[in-house]
C-alpha atoms as a PDB file:
ATOM      1  CA  MET A   1      16.301 -19.449   1.232  1.00  0.00           C
ATOM      2  CA  THR A   2      15.276 -17.565   4.325  1.00  0.00           C
ATOM      3  CA  TRP A   3      12.038 -18.836   5.831  1.00  0.00           C
ATOM      4  CA  VAL A   4      10.069 -16.386   7.961  1.00  0.00           C
ATOM      5  CA  PRO A   5       7.194 -17.490  10.235  1.00  0.00           C
ATOM      6  CA  VAL A   6       4.030 -15.518   9.417  1.00  0.00           C
ATOM      7  CA  ALA A   7       1.080 -17.446  10.872  1.00  0.00           C
ATOM      8  CA  LYS A   8      -0.018 -20.675  12.475  1.00  0.00           C
ATOM      9  CA  VAL A   9      -2.006 -23.414  10.793  1.00  0.00           C
ATOM     10  CA  GLY A  10      -5.641 -22.540  11.409  1.00  0.00           C
ATOM     11  CA  ASP A  11      -5.061 -18.767  11.262  1.00  0.00           C
ATOM     12  CA  VAL A  12      -6.043 -18.752   7.572  1.00  0.00           C
ATOM     13  CA  ARG A  13      -9.220 -20.564   6.567  1.00  0.00           C
ATOM     14  CA  ALA A  14      -9.765 -22.187   3.168  1.00  0.00           C
ATOM     15  CA  GLY A  15     -10.835 -19.524   0.696  1.00  0.00           C
ATOM     16  CA  ASP A  16      -9.360 -16.667   2.725  1.00  0.00           C
ATOM     17  CA  VAL A  17      -6.594 -14.231   1.817  1.00  0.00           C
ATOM     18  CA  VAL A  18      -4.798 -12.264   4.544  1.00  0.00           C
ATOM     19  CA  ALA A  19      -2.228  -9.487   4.431  1.00  0.00           C
ATOM     20  CA  VAL A  20       1.273 -10.190   5.740  1.00  0.00           C
ATOM     21  CA  THR A  21       4.519  -8.247   5.592  1.00  0.00           C
ATOM     22  CA  VAL A  22       7.745 -10.201   5.329  1.00  0.00           C
ATOM     23  CA  GLU A  23      11.042  -8.335   5.578  1.00  0.00           C
ATOM     24  CA  GLY A  24       9.337  -5.143   4.403  1.00  0.00           C
ATOM     25  CA  THR A  25       7.517  -6.743   1.469  1.00  0.00           C
ATOM     26  CA  GLU A  26       3.726  -6.572   1.499  1.00  0.00           C
ATOM     27  CA  MET A  27       2.104  -9.783   0.314  1.00  0.00           C
ATOM     28  CA  VAL A  28      -0.940 -11.949   0.821  1.00  0.00           C
ATOM     29  CA  LEU A  29      -1.100 -15.422   2.295  1.00  0.00           C
ATOM     30  CA  GLY A  30      -3.997 -17.608   1.285  1.00  0.00           C
ATOM     31  CA  LEU A  31      -5.326 -21.125   1.511  1.00  0.00           C
ATOM     32  CA  ASP A  32      -6.609 -22.834  -1.631  1.00  0.00           C
ATOM     33  CA  GLY A  33      -8.085 -26.170  -0.596  1.00  0.00           C
ATOM     34  CA  ASP A  34      -5.288 -27.634   1.505  1.00  0.00           C
ATOM     35  CA  ARG A  35      -2.433 -25.651  -0.124  1.00  0.00           C
ATOM     36  CA  TYR A  36      -1.063 -22.359   1.165  1.00  0.00           C
ATOM     37  CA  PHE A  37       0.215 -19.750  -1.282  1.00  0.00           C
ATOM     38  CA  ALA A  38       1.767 -16.285  -1.095  1.00  0.00           C
ATOM     39  CA  MET A  39       1.897 -13.505  -3.677  1.00  0.00           C
ATOM     40  CA  GLN A  40       2.299  -9.760  -3.962  1.00  0.00           C
ATOM     41  CA  ARG A  41      -0.405  -7.785  -2.213  1.00  0.00           C
ATOM     42  CA  ARG A  42      -1.312  -5.321  -4.974  1.00  0.00           C
ATOM     43  CA  CYS A  43      -3.140  -6.279  -8.161  1.00  0.00           C
ATOM     44  CA  VAL A  44      -1.208  -5.390 -11.323  1.00  0.00           C
ATOM     45  CA  HIS A  45      -4.369  -3.999 -12.927  1.00  0.00           C
ATOM     46  CA  ARG A  46      -5.072  -0.954 -10.762  1.00  0.00           C
ATOM     47  CA  GLY A  47      -3.300  -1.651  -7.503  1.00  0.00           C
ATOM     48  CA  GLY A  48      -6.284  -3.186  -5.736  1.00  0.00           C
ATOM     49  CA  ASP A  49      -5.574  -4.789  -2.374  1.00  0.00           C
ATOM     50  CA  LEU A  50      -5.682  -8.550  -2.894  1.00  0.00           C
ATOM     51  CA  ALA A  51      -6.116  -8.990   0.870  1.00  0.00           C
ATOM     52  CA  GLU A  52      -9.681  -7.820   0.232  1.00  0.00           C
ATOM     53  CA  GLY A  53     -10.140 -10.505  -2.431  1.00  0.00           C
ATOM     54  CA  ILE A  54     -11.255 -14.105  -2.216  1.00  0.00           C
ATOM     55  CA  VAL A  55      -9.997 -17.498  -3.337  1.00  0.00           C
ATOM     56  CA  SER A  56     -12.249 -19.163  -5.892  1.00  0.00           C
ATOM     57  CA  ARG A  57     -11.595 -22.245  -8.031  1.00  0.00           C
ATOM     58  CA  GLY A  58      -7.810 -22.038  -7.834  1.00  0.00           C
ATOM     59  CA  HIS A  59      -7.614 -18.267  -8.264  1.00  0.00           C
ATOM     60  CA  VAL A  60      -7.316 -15.145  -6.159  1.00  0.00           C
ATOM     61  CA  VAL A  61     -10.009 -12.750  -7.307  1.00  0.00           C
ATOM     62  CA  CYS A  62      -9.337  -9.013  -6.898  1.00  0.00           C
ATOM     63  CA  ALA A  63     -12.243  -7.271  -5.170  1.00  0.00           C
ATOM     64  CA  ASN A  64     -11.844  -4.119  -7.294  1.00  0.00           C
ATOM     65  CA  HIS A  65     -12.381  -5.359 -10.838  1.00  0.00           C
ATOM     66  CA  GLY A  66     -12.560  -9.149 -10.618  1.00  0.00           C
ATOM     67  CA  TRP A  67      -9.158  -9.904 -12.122  1.00  0.00           C
ATOM     68  CA  ARG A  68      -8.289 -13.558 -11.418  1.00  0.00           C
ATOM     69  CA  PHE A  69      -4.795 -14.891 -10.733  1.00  0.00           C
ATOM     70  CA  SER A  70      -3.783 -18.534 -10.351  1.00  0.00           C
ATOM     71  CA  THR A  71      -2.888 -19.463  -6.780  1.00  0.00           C
ATOM     72  CA  ALA A  72      -0.282 -21.882  -8.220  1.00  0.00           C
ATOM     73  CA  THR A  73       1.510 -19.562 -10.675  1.00  0.00           C
ATOM     74  CA  GLY A  74       0.318 -16.019  -9.926  1.00  0.00           C
ATOM     75  CA  CYS A  75      -0.615 -15.577 -13.597  1.00  0.00           C
ATOM     76  CA  HIS A  76      -3.831 -13.979 -14.862  1.00  0.00           C
ATOM     77  CA  ASP A  77      -6.482 -16.518 -15.850  1.00  0.00           C
ATOM     78  CA  THR A  78      -6.682 -15.432 -19.510  1.00  0.00           C
ATOM     79  CA  ALA A  79      -3.422 -13.504 -20.060  1.00  0.00           C
ATOM     80  CA  SER A  80      -0.607 -15.823 -18.968  1.00  0.00           C
ATOM     81  CA  ASP A  81       2.001 -13.098 -19.564  1.00  0.00           C
ATOM     82  CA  VAL A  82       0.421 -10.961 -16.804  1.00  0.00           C
ATOM     83  CA  CYS A  83       1.636 -12.406 -13.513  1.00  0.00           C
ATOM     84  CA  LEU A  84       1.931 -11.448  -9.871  1.00  0.00           C
ATOM     85  CA  VAL A  85       5.128 -12.054  -7.944  1.00  0.00           C
ATOM     86  CA  THR A  86       4.807 -15.251  -5.910  1.00  0.00           C
ATOM     87  CA  PHE A  87       6.710 -16.544  -2.890  1.00  0.00           C
ATOM     88  CA  GLY A  88       7.473 -19.979  -1.478  1.00  0.00           C
ATOM     89  CA  VAL A  89       5.351 -21.209   1.434  1.00  0.00           C
ATOM     90  CA  ARG A  90       5.919 -24.169   3.708  1.00  0.00           C
ATOM     91  CA  VAL A  91       4.412 -25.571   6.869  1.00  0.00           C
ATOM     92  CA  VAL A  92       6.711 -26.695   9.672  1.00  0.00           C
ATOM     93  CA  GLY A  93       4.778 -28.234  12.542  1.00  0.00           C
ATOM     94  CA  ASP A  94       1.949 -25.758  13.132  1.00  0.00           C
ATOM     95  CA  GLN A  95       3.899 -22.777  11.739  1.00  0.00           C
ATOM     96  CA  ILE A  96       3.357 -21.317   8.232  1.00  0.00           C
ATOM     97  CA  GLU A  97       6.545 -19.837   6.791  1.00  0.00           C
ATOM     98  CA  ILE A  98       7.215 -17.738   3.689  1.00  0.00           C
ATOM     99  CA  ASP A  99      10.467 -17.343   1.777  1.00  0.00           C
ATOM    100  CA  PRO A 100      10.547 -13.617   0.820  1.00  0.00           C
ATOM    101  CA  THR A 101      12.685 -14.309  -2.279  1.00  0.00           C
ATOM    102  CA  PRO A 102      10.459 -13.629  -5.323  1.00  0.00           C
ATOM    103  CA  ARG A 103       9.812 -16.662  -7.509  1.00  0.00           C
ATOM    104  CA  LYS A 104       9.940 -16.492 -11.278  1.00  0.00           C
ATOM    105  CA  SER A 105       6.605 -17.194 -12.949  1.00  0.00           C
END
């Protein structure tokens, strides 16, 4: 695993989703309660920018058409075979780091 620093604790507020690029891969970093998550930046439905979305009840909600994806798995809320690519996130001290290796859903 290669961990890349992307933000500091406090840069992302609970419920927010922000765009980050890690080693050329566009993704979003979000905070769901007290847990950070990272996933691909574009919605699989119509390519909407998930950085414009929100976090609600354990899901990232796409601003374009309201598609909802689990912050834990990246999978659509009603079609579990439709999933976003997710990435590992960890906090070291006050630094938030992402592993750019795609996880399997």
